[in-house]
Protein backbone atom coordinates (compact mmCIF):
# COMPACT_ATOMS: atom_id res chain seq x y z
CA MET A 1 -0.04 0.27 -0.10
CA LYS A 2 3.12 2.24 0.38
CA LYS A 3 4.24 1.75 -2.80
CA TYR A 4 1.01 2.96 -4.33
CA TRP A 5 1.12 6.14 -2.01
CA LEU A 6 4.33 6.74 -2.90
CA ILE A 7 3.74 6.43 -6.70
CA LEU A 8 0.61 9.01 -6.56
CA CYS A 9 2.07 11.43 -4.54
CA MET A 10 4.99 11.47 -6.72
CA ILE A 11 2.63 11.91 -10.04
CA CYS A 12 1.04 14.36 -8.23
CA LEU A 13 4.25 16.63 -7.54
CA MET A 14 4.71 16.52 -11.40
CA ALA A 15 1.83 17.17 -12.44
CA SER A 16 1.57 20.30 -10.14
CA SER A 17 4.85 21.61 -11.54
CA CYS A 18 3.75 21.52 -14.95
CA ALA A 19 0.85 23.48 -14.30
CA SER A 20 2.20 26.31 -12.10
CA GLY A 21 3.15 28.07 -15.44
CA GLU A 22 7.03 28.55 -13.95
CA ASN A 23 9.59 28.11 -16.39
CA THR A 24 10.61 24.23 -16.35
CA ARG A 25 14.25 24.68 -17.97
CA PRO A 26 16.48 26.16 -16.62
CA LEU A 27 17.85 29.51 -17.85
CA VAL A 28 21.65 27.68 -17.87
CA GLY A 29 23.07 27.13 -21.03
CA SER A 30 23.44 28.30 -24.56
CA TRP A 31 20.82 30.14 -26.85
CA ARG A 32 20.60 31.45 -29.89
CA LEU A 33 19.00 34.14 -31.14
CA THR A 34 15.68 33.72 -33.70
CA ALA A 35 13.69 36.53 -33.27
CA TYR A 36 14.04 40.26 -32.01
CA GLY A 37 12.06 43.40 -31.97
CA PRO A 38 8.63 44.90 -30.96
CA VAL A 39 6.77 42.38 -29.14
CA ASP A 40 4.02 42.50 -31.61
CA SER A 41 6.21 42.47 -34.80
CA THR A 42 9.09 40.65 -34.51
CA THR A 43 11.99 40.33 -36.96
CA PRO A 44 13.96 36.75 -37.84
CA ALA A 45 17.53 37.26 -36.95
CA VAL A 46 19.59 37.90 -39.12
CA PRO A 47 20.60 35.12 -41.82
CA ASP A 48 23.69 33.52 -41.87
CA VAL A 49 25.21 34.87 -38.70
CA GLU A 50 25.32 33.34 -34.78
CA ALA A 51 24.11 35.87 -32.28
CA THR A 52 24.04 33.72 -29.01
CA LEU A 53 24.27 34.04 -25.11
CA ILE A 54 25.46 31.55 -22.96
CA PHE A 55 24.39 32.05 -19.43
CA GLY A 56 27.04 30.22 -16.36
CA GLU A 57 25.80 29.17 -13.43
CA ASP A 58 28.04 31.91 -11.99
CA GLY A 59 25.95 34.91 -12.88
CA THR A 60 28.02 35.43 -16.07
CA LEU A 61 26.89 36.04 -19.50
CA ALA A 62 29.02 35.72 -22.75
CA GLY A 63 27.49 35.80 -26.79
CA SER A 64 27.74 37.31 -29.16
CA THR A 65 25.08 39.80 -31.10
CA GLY A 66 25.68 38.23 -34.48
CA CYS A 67 28.56 41.05 -34.60
CA ASN A 68 30.36 41.99 -31.87
CA GLU A 69 30.90 39.57 -29.00
CA LEU A 70 29.66 41.05 -25.41
CA ASN A 71 30.60 39.24 -21.52
CA GLY A 72 28.32 40.70 -18.49
CA GLU A 73 26.68 39.53 -15.92
CA TYR A 74 23.03 38.83 -14.84
CA THR A 75 20.96 38.10 -11.59
CA VAL A 76 17.42 36.56 -11.55
CA GLU A 77 14.63 37.35 -9.26
CA GLY A 78 11.42 35.75 -10.42
CA ASP A 79 10.72 36.05 -13.56
CA GLN A 80 13.18 39.15 -14.13
CA ILE A 81 16.90 38.89 -15.31
CA THR A 82 18.71 41.66 -14.23
CA PHE A 83 22.14 42.52 -16.73
CA GLY A 84 25.31 44.01 -15.17
CA GLN A 85 26.92 46.31 -17.46
CA ILE A 86 27.96 44.60 -20.72
CA VAL A 87 30.76 45.02 -22.45
CA SER A 88 31.33 44.05 -26.30
CA THR A 89 33.86 44.57 -29.25
CA LEU A 90 33.19 47.53 -31.18
CA ILE A 91 33.36 46.21 -34.78
CA LEU A 92 30.94 47.81 -37.63
CA CYS A 93 28.99 45.05 -39.25
CA PRO A 94 26.46 45.53 -41.80
CA ASP A 95 22.93 47.41 -41.38
CA LEU A 96 20.83 44.38 -40.50
CA GLN A 97 23.67 43.13 -38.21
CA MET A 98 23.55 46.03 -36.54
CA ALA A 99 19.90 46.86 -35.99
CA GLN A 100 20.26 43.28 -34.63
CA GLU A 101 22.60 44.30 -31.94
CA ASP A 102 20.73 47.50 -31.07
CA ALA A 103 17.38 45.74 -30.53
CA MET A 104 19.87 43.00 -28.41
CA LEU A 105 21.96 45.92 -25.99
CA ARG A 106 17.96 47.77 -25.29
CA VAL A 107 16.71 44.89 -23.58
CA PHE A 108 19.89 44.36 -21.96
CA ALA A 109 20.01 47.30 -20.00
CA GLY A 110 18.81 47.51 -17.21
CA THR A 111 15.86 44.68 -16.21
CA ALA A 112 14.00 42.62 -18.20
CA SER A 113 11.22 40.06 -18.03
CA PHE A 114 11.94 36.27 -18.79
CA LYS A 115 10.38 33.15 -19.91
CA ILE A 116 11.26 29.52 -21.12
CA GLU A 117 8.42 27.71 -22.59
CA GLY A 118 10.06 24.25 -24.06
CA ASP A 119 13.44 25.25 -25.49
CA THR A 120 12.08 28.97 -25.97
CA LEU A 121 13.73 31.69 -24.17
CA THR A 122 12.04 35.06 -24.59
CA ILE A 123 13.50 38.24 -23.10
CA ALA A 124 11.41 41.70 -23.04
CA LYS A 125 11.71 45.32 -21.66
CA ASP A 126 10.48 48.14 -23.01
CA GLY A 127 8.09 46.81 -25.60
CA MET A 128 10.54 44.84 -27.07
CA VAL A 129 11.35 41.55 -27.15
CA LEU A 130 14.30 38.50 -28.07
CA VAL A 131 13.45 35.45 -28.45
CA PHE A 132 15.73 32.23 -27.61
CA GLN A 133 15.93 29.00 -29.46
CA ALA A 134 18.06 26.52 -26.62
CA MET A 135 21.15 24.75 -27.71
CA ALA A 136 21.79 21.38 -28.30
CA SER A 137 24.66 21.25 -24.75
CA ALA A 138 28.03 19.76 -26.29
CA ALA A 139 28.88 16.21 -24.77
């Protein structure tokens, strides 16, 4: 009988965690930008360039805007992510890449909201949104 109660309790815990609507995938890891721009009218990420973010367990952030490399720090509280000062290289790139970089850096200034649904990370601030897809981790 104990065995059945234990199984029932495990099922209830799993069901409640799925129904909570909270982020189920960790933020830590590698993400590739798929879209950016105004919340109601996103633009696909610039093709043939890698715009990525890597969130470290130690609160560090590294990546690329698709033009310049960036590094910084972040903290998370609930569904809010606060970015510390972001430093980046200063290469001038084609207009599309610069527009994408501008959108990314605007969202990374201060505190933004974020949510993770499946393998999709969305970071939003002041009507701007960045949409990322989880990247497979190297094994």
